[in-house]
Protein backbone atom coordinates (compact mmCIF):
# COMPACT_ATOMS: atom_id res chain seq x y z
CA UNK A 1 0.00 -0.02 -0.01
CA UNK A 2 1.08 3.60 -0.60
CA UNK A 3 3.25 5.30 1.95
CA UNK A 4 0.94 7.43 4.10
CA UNK A 5 3.53 8.80 6.46
CA UNK A 6 3.00 12.48 7.04
CA UNK A 7 5.26 15.37 7.96
CA UNK A 8 3.12 18.36 8.70
CA UNK A 9 5.18 21.46 9.67
CA UNK A 10 7.78 19.13 11.13
CA UNK A 11 5.21 17.06 13.08
CA UNK A 12 5.58 13.45 11.96
CA UNK A 13 2.81 10.84 12.09
CA UNK A 14 2.27 7.42 10.49
CA UNK A 15 -0.69 8.75 8.49
CA UNK A 16 -2.36 12.12 7.83
CA UNK A 17 -5.46 11.37 9.89
CA UNK A 18 -5.67 13.26 13.15
CA UNK A 19 -8.48 13.53 15.67
CA UNK A 20 -9.60 17.14 16.10
CA UNK A 21 -9.66 18.93 19.43
CA UNK A 22 -13.06 17.84 20.81
CA UNK A 23 -14.67 15.44 23.26
CA UNK A 24 -12.88 12.38 21.71
CA UNK A 25 -9.51 13.84 22.76
CA UNK A 26 -10.43 15.00 26.25
CA UNK A 27 -8.46 12.51 28.28
CA UNK A 28 -5.71 9.90 28.30
CA UNK A 29 -8.12 6.94 28.04
CA UNK A 30 -9.68 8.23 24.81
CA UNK A 31 -6.36 9.16 23.21
CA UNK A 32 -4.80 5.81 23.92
CA UNK A 33 -7.78 4.03 22.35
CA UNK A 34 -7.51 6.36 19.35
CA UNK A 35 -3.82 5.58 18.81
CA UNK A 36 -4.45 1.86 19.16
CA UNK A 37 -7.21 2.13 16.56
CA UNK A 38 -4.76 3.63 14.09
CA UNK A 39 -5.05 7.39 14.25
CA UNK A 40 -1.87 9.17 13.17
CA UNK A 41 -2.27 12.02 15.62
CA UNK A 42 -4.59 13.85 17.98
CA UNK A 43 -5.17 17.46 18.92
CA UNK A 44 -5.85 17.35 22.68
CA UNK A 45 -9.08 18.99 23.72
CA UNK A 46 -8.61 22.70 24.36
CA UNK A 47 -6.84 23.60 27.59
CA UNK A 48 -7.50 26.85 29.36
CA UNK A 49 -5.68 28.98 31.90
CA UNK A 50 -5.41 28.13 35.59
CA UNK A 51 -8.02 29.90 37.63
CA UNK A 52 -11.79 29.57 38.05
CA UNK A 53 -12.84 26.12 36.74
CA UNK A 54 -14.73 25.74 33.48
CA UNK A 55 -18.25 24.47 34.19
CA UNK A 56 -20.11 22.60 31.48
CA UNK A 57 -23.89 22.06 31.43
CA UNK A 58 -25.15 18.85 33.02
CA UNK A 59 -27.82 18.32 30.42
CA UNK A 60 -27.88 17.66 26.68
CA UNK A 61 -24.83 19.05 24.93
CA UNK A 62 -25.53 18.00 21.37
CA UNK A 63 -28.20 18.73 18.82
CA UNK A 64 -28.44 16.78 15.57
CA UNK A 65 -29.57 16.98 11.95
CA UNK A 66 -30.56 13.53 10.65
CA UNK A 67 -30.96 12.39 7.08
CA UNK A 68 -34.00 10.44 6.03
CA UNK A 69 -32.35 7.21 7.17
CA UNK A 70 -31.32 8.79 10.51
CA UNK A 71 -27.77 9.08 9.36
CA UNK A 72 -26.08 11.91 11.22
CA UNK A 73 -25.55 14.82 8.82
CA UNK A 74 -24.57 17.38 11.39
CA UNK A 75 -23.98 17.90 15.10
CA UNK A 76 -24.46 21.06 17.09
CA UNK A 77 -22.60 21.21 20.41
CA UNK A 78 -22.68 23.62 23.32
CA UNK A 79 -19.81 22.00 25.20
CA UNK A 80 -17.03 24.26 26.42
CA UNK A 81 -13.28 23.63 26.58
CA UNK A 82 -11.97 20.96 28.94
CA UNK A 83 -13.41 21.13 32.45
CA UNK A 84 -10.62 18.93 33.81
CA UNK A 85 -7.79 20.51 35.85
CA UNK A 86 -4.86 21.78 33.81
CA UNK A 87 -2.27 19.82 35.79
CA UNK A 88 -4.19 16.57 35.22
CA UNK A 89 -4.29 17.19 31.47
CA UNK A 90 -0.63 18.07 31.30
CA UNK A 91 0.38 14.97 33.26
CA UNK A 92 -1.68 12.73 30.97
CA UNK A 93 -0.30 14.38 27.83
CA UNK A 94 3.25 13.78 29.01
CA UNK A 95 2.51 10.15 29.74
CA UNK A 96 0.77 9.46 26.48
CA UNK A 97 3.43 11.13 24.36
CA UNK A 98 6.10 9.09 26.16
CA UNK A 99 4.26 5.86 25.35
CA UNK A 100 3.43 6.75 21.73
CA UNK A 101 6.44 8.69 20.46
CA UNK A 102 5.66 7.99 16.80
CA UNK A 103 2.24 9.59 16.94
CA UNK A 104 1.47 13.29 16.61
CA UNK A 105 0.20 15.02 19.71
CA UNK A 106 -0.76 18.67 19.48
CA UNK A 107 -2.22 20.71 22.35
CA UNK A 108 -5.15 23.04 21.67
CA UNK A 109 -5.04 26.23 23.75
CA UNK A 110 -7.47 29.01 24.64
CA UNK A 111 -6.74 31.61 27.29
CA UNK A 112 -7.65 35.32 27.77
CA UNK A 113 -6.29 37.67 25.15
CA UNK A 114 -3.37 39.13 27.14
CA UNK A 115 0.34 38.41 26.84
CA UNK A 116 0.83 37.20 30.42
CA UNK A 117 -1.87 34.55 30.15
CA UNK A 118 -0.36 33.11 26.97
CA UNK A 119 3.18 33.27 28.34
CA UNK A 120 2.04 31.39 31.49
CA UNK A 121 0.27 28.51 29.76
CA UNK A 122 3.03 28.09 27.20
CA UNK A 123 5.54 27.76 29.99
CA UNK A 124 3.35 25.15 31.67
CA UNK A 125 3.13 22.91 28.62
CA UNK A 126 6.71 23.10 27.44
CA UNK A 127 7.89 19.93 29.17
CA UNK A 128 5.01 17.69 28.11
CA UNK A 129 6.85 16.54 25.00
CA UNK A 130 3.93 17.56 22.81
CA UNK A 131 4.69 18.16 19.13
CA UNK A 132 2.96 21.48 18.73
CA UNK A 133 0.20 23.85 19.80
CA UNK A 134 -3.07 24.77 18.09
CA UNK A 135 -4.54 28.15 19.00
CA UNK A 136 -8.32 27.82 19.28
CA UNK A 137 -9.58 31.02 17.68
CA UNK A 138 -12.75 29.40 16.47
CA UNK A 139 -15.09 28.20 19.19
CA UNK A 140 -18.36 30.17 18.59
CA UNK A 141 -20.16 29.65 21.89
CA UNK A 142 -19.60 30.03 25.59
CA UNK A 143 -15.94 31.02 25.46
CA UNK A 144 -16.53 33.68 22.79
CA UNK A 145 -18.82 35.53 25.19
CA UNK A 146 -15.77 35.74 27.46
CA UNK A 147 -13.61 37.33 24.81
CA UNK A 148 -11.94 34.16 23.60
CA UNK A 149 -12.46 31.64 20.79
CA UNK A 150 -14.15 33.19 17.73
CA UNK A 151 -14.20 36.58 19.48
CA UNK A 152 -10.46 36.59 18.76
CA UNK A 153 -10.68 34.72 15.47
CA UNK A 154 -12.94 37.38 13.97
CA UNK A 155 -10.41 40.15 14.52
CA UNK A 156 -7.28 39.70 12.36
CA UNK A 157 -5.26 42.13 14.50
CA UNK A 158 -5.84 39.97 17.55
CA UNK A 159 -4.88 36.81 15.66
CA UNK A 160 -1.58 38.35 14.59
CA UNK A 161 -0.88 39.66 18.03
CA UNK A 162 -1.48 36.42 19.92
CA UNK A 163 0.33 34.36 17.33
CA UNK A 164 3.36 36.57 17.80
CA UNK A 165 3.27 35.95 21.56
CA UNK A 166 3.07 32.23 21.01
CA UNK A 167 6.01 32.18 18.65
CA UNK A 168 7.95 34.34 21.10
CA UNK A 169 7.35 32.17 24.15
CA UNK A 170 7.22 28.71 22.65
CA UNK A 171 9.61 26.43 20.76
CA UNK A 172 6.78 24.32 19.32
CA UNK A 173 5.15 24.59 15.88
CA UNK A 174 2.10 26.83 16.04
CA UNK A 175 -1.11 26.00 14.19
CA UNK A 176 -3.85 28.69 14.21
CA UNK A 177 -7.40 27.32 14.11
CA UNK A 178 -9.72 29.62 12.21
CA UNK A 179 -13.38 30.38 12.65
CA UNK A 180 -15.68 30.08 9.64
CA UNK A 181 -17.97 32.66 11.18
CA UNK A 182 -16.41 35.46 9.15
CA UNK A 183 -17.00 37.09 5.77
CA UNK A 184 -13.59 36.42 4.22
CA UNK A 185 -11.54 33.51 5.54
CA UNK A 186 -8.42 34.81 3.83
CA UNK A 187 -8.10 37.76 6.22
CA UNK A 188 -7.55 35.77 9.43
CA UNK A 189 -5.24 33.39 7.54
CA UNK A 190 -3.15 36.31 6.36
CA UNK A 191 -3.00 37.62 9.94
CA UNK A 192 -1.86 34.25 11.21
CA UNK A 193 0.88 34.19 8.61
CA UNK A 194 2.02 37.69 9.52
CA UNK A 195 2.16 36.62 13.14
CA UNK A 196 4.51 33.78 12.29
CA UNK A 197 2.11 30.83 12.37
CA UNK A 198 3.54 27.62 11.00
CA UNK A 199 0.13 26.53 9.71
CA UNK A 200 -3.62 27.15 9.93
CA UNK A 201 -6.36 24.63 10.58
CA UNK A 202 -9.96 25.05 9.46
CA UNK A 203 -12.81 25.09 9.77
CA UNK A 204 -13.89 25.25 13.37
CA UNK A 205 -17.60 24.92 14.03
CA UNK A 206 -20.29 27.11 12.50
CA UNK A 207 -22.64 29.17 14.65
CA UNK A 208 -25.95 27.38 14.66
CA UNK A 209 -29.28 26.38 16.12
CA UNK A 210 -30.12 23.02 14.66
CA UNK A 211 -33.72 22.66 15.77
CA UNK A 212 -36.53 23.93 18.02
CA UNK A 213 -38.57 21.81 20.44
CA UNK A 214 -42.13 22.58 19.32
CA UNK A 215 -43.61 21.59 22.67
CA UNK A 216 -41.19 23.55 24.82
CA UNK A 217 -40.67 26.26 22.22
CA UNK A 218 -36.95 26.36 22.93
CA UNK A 219 -33.83 25.61 20.86
CA UNK A 220 -32.33 22.13 21.10
CA UNK A 221 -30.39 20.93 23.00
CA UNK A 222 -32.59 22.30 25.72
CA UNK A 223 -31.41 23.02 29.24
CA UNK A 224 -34.22 23.62 31.73
CA UNK A 225 -36.46 25.16 29.08
CA UNK A 226 -33.80 27.31 27.45
CA UNK A 227 -31.39 26.81 24.55
CA UNK A 228 -28.35 28.61 23.11
CA UNK A 229 -26.54 28.75 19.83
CA UNK A 230 -23.76 26.22 19.44
CA UNK A 231 -21.11 25.01 17.01
CA UNK A 232 -22.20 22.98 13.96
CA UNK A 233 -20.01 20.29 12.45
CA UNK A 234 -20.25 17.01 10.53
CA UNK A 235 -20.77 16.02 6.86
CA UNK A 236 -23.13 18.93 6.24
CA UNK A 237 -20.34 21.52 6.71
CA UNK A 238 -17.88 19.85 4.33
CA UNK A 239 -18.72 22.04 1.29
CA UNK A 240 -18.16 25.19 3.33
CA UNK A 241 -14.87 23.84 4.67
CA UNK A 242 -13.61 22.79 1.25
CA UNK A 243 -14.29 26.26 -0.19
CA UNK A 244 -12.48 27.98 2.66
CA UNK A 245 -9.47 25.66 2.42
CA UNK A 246 -9.29 26.32 -1.35
CA UNK A 247 -9.55 30.08 -0.84
CA UNK A 248 -6.49 30.05 1.41
CA UNK A 249 -4.57 27.62 -0.77
CA UNK A 250 -5.05 29.70 -3.95
CA UNK A 251 -4.69 33.17 -2.49
CA UNK A 252 -1.43 34.92 -3.39
CA UNK A 253 -1.08 36.25 0.16
CA UNK A 254 -1.37 32.82 1.83
CA UNK A 255 -0.18 30.46 -0.91
CA UNK A 256 2.23 27.93 0.57
CA UNK A 257 0.89 28.34 4.13
CA UNK A 258 0.37 24.72 5.39
CA UNK A 259 -3.28 23.85 6.04
CA UNK A 260 -4.85 21.19 8.29
CA UNK A 261 -8.26 20.51 6.81
CA UNK A 262 -11.28 20.07 9.13
CA UNK A 263 -15.00 19.84 8.46
CA UNK A 264 -17.09 16.74 7.80
CA UNK A 265 -14.33 14.29 6.94
CA UNK A 266 -16.05 10.91 7.14
CA UNK A 267 -14.40 8.77 4.47
CA UNK A 268 -11.04 8.49 2.73
CA UNK A 269 -12.62 10.27 -0.25
CA UNK A 270 -13.47 13.29 1.90
CA UNK A 271 -9.89 13.40 3.11
CA UNK A 272 -8.53 13.14 -0.43
CA UNK A 273 -10.69 16.03 -1.55
CA UNK A 274 -9.36 18.25 1.26
CA UNK A 275 -5.81 17.31 0.38
CA UNK A 276 -6.33 17.91 -3.33
CA UNK A 277 -7.46 21.44 -2.40
CA UNK A 278 -4.29 22.07 -0.43
CA UNK A 279 -4.61 20.51 3.01
CA UNK A 280 -1.50 18.74 4.23
CA UNK A 281 -3.49 16.57 6.59
CA UNK A 282 -7.04 16.30 7.94
CA UNK A 283 -8.63 16.36 11.35
CA UNK A 284 -11.77 14.36 12.21
CA UNK A 285 -14.35 14.59 14.98
CA UNK A 286 -17.98 13.88 14.06
CA UNK A 287 -17.21 10.67 12.19
CA UNK A 288 -15.37 9.29 15.21
CA UNK A 289 -18.23 10.33 17.51
CA UNK A 290 -20.75 8.67 15.18
CA UNK A 291 -18.94 5.42 14.30
CA UNK A 292 -16.15 5.03 16.84
CA UNK A 293 -12.40 5.29 16.52
CA UNK A 294 -11.99 2.35 14.16
CA UNK A 295 -13.52 4.39 11.34
CA UNK A 296 -9.96 5.51 10.66
CA UNK A 297 -9.05 2.08 9.38
CA UNK A 298 -11.29 2.54 6.34
CA UNK A 299 -9.79 5.94 5.77
CA UNK A 300 -6.25 4.53 5.87
CA UNK A 301 -6.95 1.62 3.54
CA UNK A 302 -9.12 3.65 1.18
CA UNK A 303 -6.61 6.46 0.76
CA UNK A 304 -3.77 4.04 0.32
CA UNK A 305 -5.66 2.11 -2.36
CA UNK A 306 -6.58 5.35 -4.15
CA UNK A 307 -2.99 6.53 -4.25
CA UNK A 308 -1.87 3.14 -5.54
CA UNK A 309 -4.55 3.16 -8.24
CA UNK A 310 -3.54 6.66 -9.33
CA UNK A 311 0.17 5.79 -9.01
CA UNK A 312 0.81 9.01 -7.06
CA UNK A 313 2.26 9.80 -3.64
CA UNK A 314 0.62 11.60 -0.76
CA UNK A 315 2.62 14.68 -1.57
CA UNK A 316 1.51 14.47 -5.20
CA UNK A 317 -2.08 14.63 -4.04
CA UNK A 318 -1.71 17.67 -1.79
CA UNK A 319 -2.77 20.79 -3.73
CA UNK A 320 -3.29 18.95 -7.01
CA UNK A 321 -6.74 20.50 -7.62
CA UNK A 322 -5.80 24.07 -6.55
CA UNK A 323 -4.80 25.23 -10.10
CA UNK A 324 -8.27 24.22 -11.30
CA UNK A 325 -10.10 26.36 -8.75
CA UNK A 326 -11.04 29.62 -10.43
CA UNK A 327 -13.63 32.41 -10.32
CA UNK A 328 -16.86 32.20 -12.27
CA UNK A 329 -15.84 34.87 -14.78
CA UNK A 330 -13.03 32.67 -16.05
CA UNK A 331 -15.17 29.62 -16.78
CA UNK A 332 -15.43 28.57 -20.45
CA UNK A 333 -18.87 29.69 -21.59
CA UNK A 334 -18.53 27.71 -24.84
CA UNK A 335 -18.09 24.35 -23.13
CA UNK A 336 -21.33 22.54 -23.90
CA UNK A 337 -22.72 19.31 -22.44
CA UNK A 338 -26.12 17.59 -22.65
CA UNK A 339 -27.76 15.09 -20.31
CA UNK A 340 -28.26 11.53 -21.52
CA UNK A 341 -30.26 8.75 -19.89
CA UNK A 342 -29.13 5.13 -19.87
CA UNK A 343 -32.39 3.32 -20.55
CA UNK A 344 -30.94 -0.01 -19.30
CA UNK A 345 -30.33 1.54 -15.88
CA UNK A 346 -33.48 3.67 -15.65
CA UNK A 347 -36.00 2.45 -13.06
CA UNK A 348 -38.73 4.76 -14.42
CA UNK A 349 -39.18 6.59 -11.13
CA UNK A 350 -39.76 9.92 -12.90
CA UNK A 351 -37.75 12.08 -10.52
CA UNK A 352 -35.74 13.61 -13.34
CA UNK A 353 -38.86 14.45 -15.27
CA UNK A 354 -40.65 15.99 -12.27
CA UNK A 355 -37.66 18.08 -11.28
CA UNK A 356 -36.91 19.32 -14.78
CA UNK A 357 -40.57 19.92 -15.77
CA UNK A 358 -41.54 21.77 -12.59
CA UNK A 359 -38.40 23.60 -11.59
CA UNK A 360 -35.94 23.68 -14.45
CA UNK A 361 -36.04 23.85 -18.26
CA UNK A 362 -38.62 21.28 -19.38
CA UNK A 363 -35.91 19.37 -21.13
CA UNK A 364 -37.01 15.80 -20.36
CA UNK A 365 -39.93 14.18 -22.16
CA UNK A 366 -42.05 11.36 -20.71
CA UNK A 367 -42.87 9.01 -23.58
CA UNK A 368 -45.42 6.13 -23.54
CA UNK A 369 -44.46 3.33 -21.18
CA UNK A 370 -42.78 5.90 -18.81
CA UNK A 371 -39.73 6.17 -20.98
CA UNK A 372 -37.85 9.36 -20.21
CA UNK A 373 -35.80 11.07 -22.92
CA UNK A 374 -33.73 14.25 -22.94
CA UNK A 375 -34.73 17.05 -25.33
CA UNK A 376 -31.33 18.38 -26.47
CA UNK A 377 -32.81 21.60 -27.81
CA UNK A 378 -34.03 22.53 -24.32
CA UNK A 379 -31.28 21.05 -22.12
CA UNK A 380 -28.98 23.69 -20.55
CA UNK A 381 -26.87 21.01 -18.80
CA UNK A 382 -27.79 22.24 -15.32
CA UNK A 383 -27.16 18.77 -13.88
CA UNK A 384 -30.31 18.72 -11.76
CA UNK A 385 -31.50 15.48 -13.30
CA UNK A 386 -28.15 13.84 -12.48
CA UNK A 387 -28.36 15.05 -8.88
CA UNK A 388 -31.91 13.84 -8.18
CA UNK A 389 -31.63 10.48 -9.96
CA UNK A 390 -31.46 7.65 -7.39
CA UNK A 391 -29.48 5.38 -9.71
CA UNK A 392 -25.76 6.10 -9.99
CA UNK A 393 -24.59 6.75 -13.59
CA UNK A 394 -28.06 6.38 -15.01
CA UNK A 395 -27.98 10.02 -16.13
CA UNK A 396 -24.66 11.45 -17.24
CA UNK A 397 -23.44 14.52 -19.10
CA UNK A 398 -21.91 14.14 -22.58
CA UNK A 399 -19.71 16.83 -24.00
CA UNK A 400 -20.46 18.19 -27.46
CA UNK A 401 -17.27 18.08 -29.58
CA UNK A 402 -15.78 21.27 -30.94
CA UNK A 403 -17.46 22.32 -34.12
CA UNK A 404 -20.79 20.67 -33.28
CA UNK A 405 -23.89 22.82 -33.24
CA UNK A 406 -25.61 23.33 -29.92
CA UNK A 407 -29.25 22.39 -30.73
CA UNK A 408 -30.50 24.78 -28.08
CA UNK A 409 -28.78 27.91 -29.36
CA UNK A 410 -27.98 26.99 -32.93
CA UNK A 411 -24.37 28.11 -32.39
CA UNK A 412 -21.25 26.11 -32.99
CA UNK A 413 -19.13 24.90 -30.05
CA UNK A 414 -15.94 26.94 -30.26
CA UNK A 415 -12.53 26.42 -28.72
CA UNK A 416 -12.60 28.98 -25.94
CA UNK A 417 -14.49 31.87 -24.38
CA UNK A 418 -15.34 33.24 -20.97
CA UNK A 419 -17.18 36.14 -19.44
CA UNK A 420 -14.13 38.39 -19.38
CA UNK A 421 -14.16 38.42 -23.19
CA UNK A 422 -17.84 37.69 -23.83
CA UNK A 423 -19.60 40.20 -26.15
CA UNK A 424 -22.47 40.60 -23.65
CA UNK A 425 -20.08 41.63 -20.89
CA UNK A 426 -20.23 45.44 -20.58
CA UNK A 427 -16.72 45.50 -19.15
CA UNK A 428 -15.41 43.65 -22.20
CA UNK A 429 -17.16 46.20 -24.45
CA UNK A 430 -15.68 49.04 -22.46
CA UNK A 431 -12.22 47.52 -22.86
CA UNK A 432 -12.63 47.49 -26.60
């Protein structure tokens, strides 16, 4: 199988799959089980400063969005950072790292936004043997109301300032964890880079209320009749995370900044997509909480088989899709495809017809015997029929060769054209 060994900002691990800072990494017992299951690394659940203890709720901490088959699509959590004493966590980290020297162990940190607090906690963790620190600038609930978490992550100046403190007072690689609750993810990434960060990780959880109890009329999870916004994660956030990873990877200001990808990684394919868009490794939480730690074994075997089949290395995969991420205005407007239905695979359910007839371009005809056929002269290749069809590969898109006439427009398919040069673009006309 392909070599999956990873070296992320100098932190070595036997594979690129890490557990994210979250309940699964809250204590020695969990982390040992994770390593034994095959995880290449863990980010220990966020530690805070010494002082008044963190107090979590003693009621439901998670809300959920289920698919039709009760598959977990997303989790909302209102849990805070670790509520275990700092000295206990540090003792356990030191012990675990001593027993598993080949595994990555990074410590997540969140303390008040002042230099002395950061200096103190960095001094406390220096002798644990941990491989690095991750600065939690992303948590959107509980701690943000105290001026930490996403309250810092939404202000680039604070990110840069705290990152500089960490690099000044610590020998360890510094990963800055970014909040997605911001208009432009590139700005905090740029600030982290200016501050000297060795890498960024993203995304942290998204501000959310997942549901409302319609008997109690309160958000869920509900604590004594009340609810609060929490952090949303899981498969449903993956598209948001992929876009933000790609934005950082392709931006001129942050190009080359190592990225640890987080957000809905459930299978090896999810991980490969993050890596193709520039992530050097991935962090996982919801999948482990849903299926247990051994879910990583499928990820390892699947990614290894994929790399073997493609005859590429892990490093070859990282960033391979970034050059193909562009802005809409640069898409080829003369690239033409049409839907086609494989009648041998069609189960005659009619979903494609209903979707296209009612909500799209009336480009699918229903013939006698419930035979569905694409009308090329109406098809705009929107892909909706492909997306709603329950049978894989029953409906596909075929490309019209150069020189063919598009039956919908009557125009020939030409070699190249995009909106920047399109005759209907007023800016293009102005340039002429």
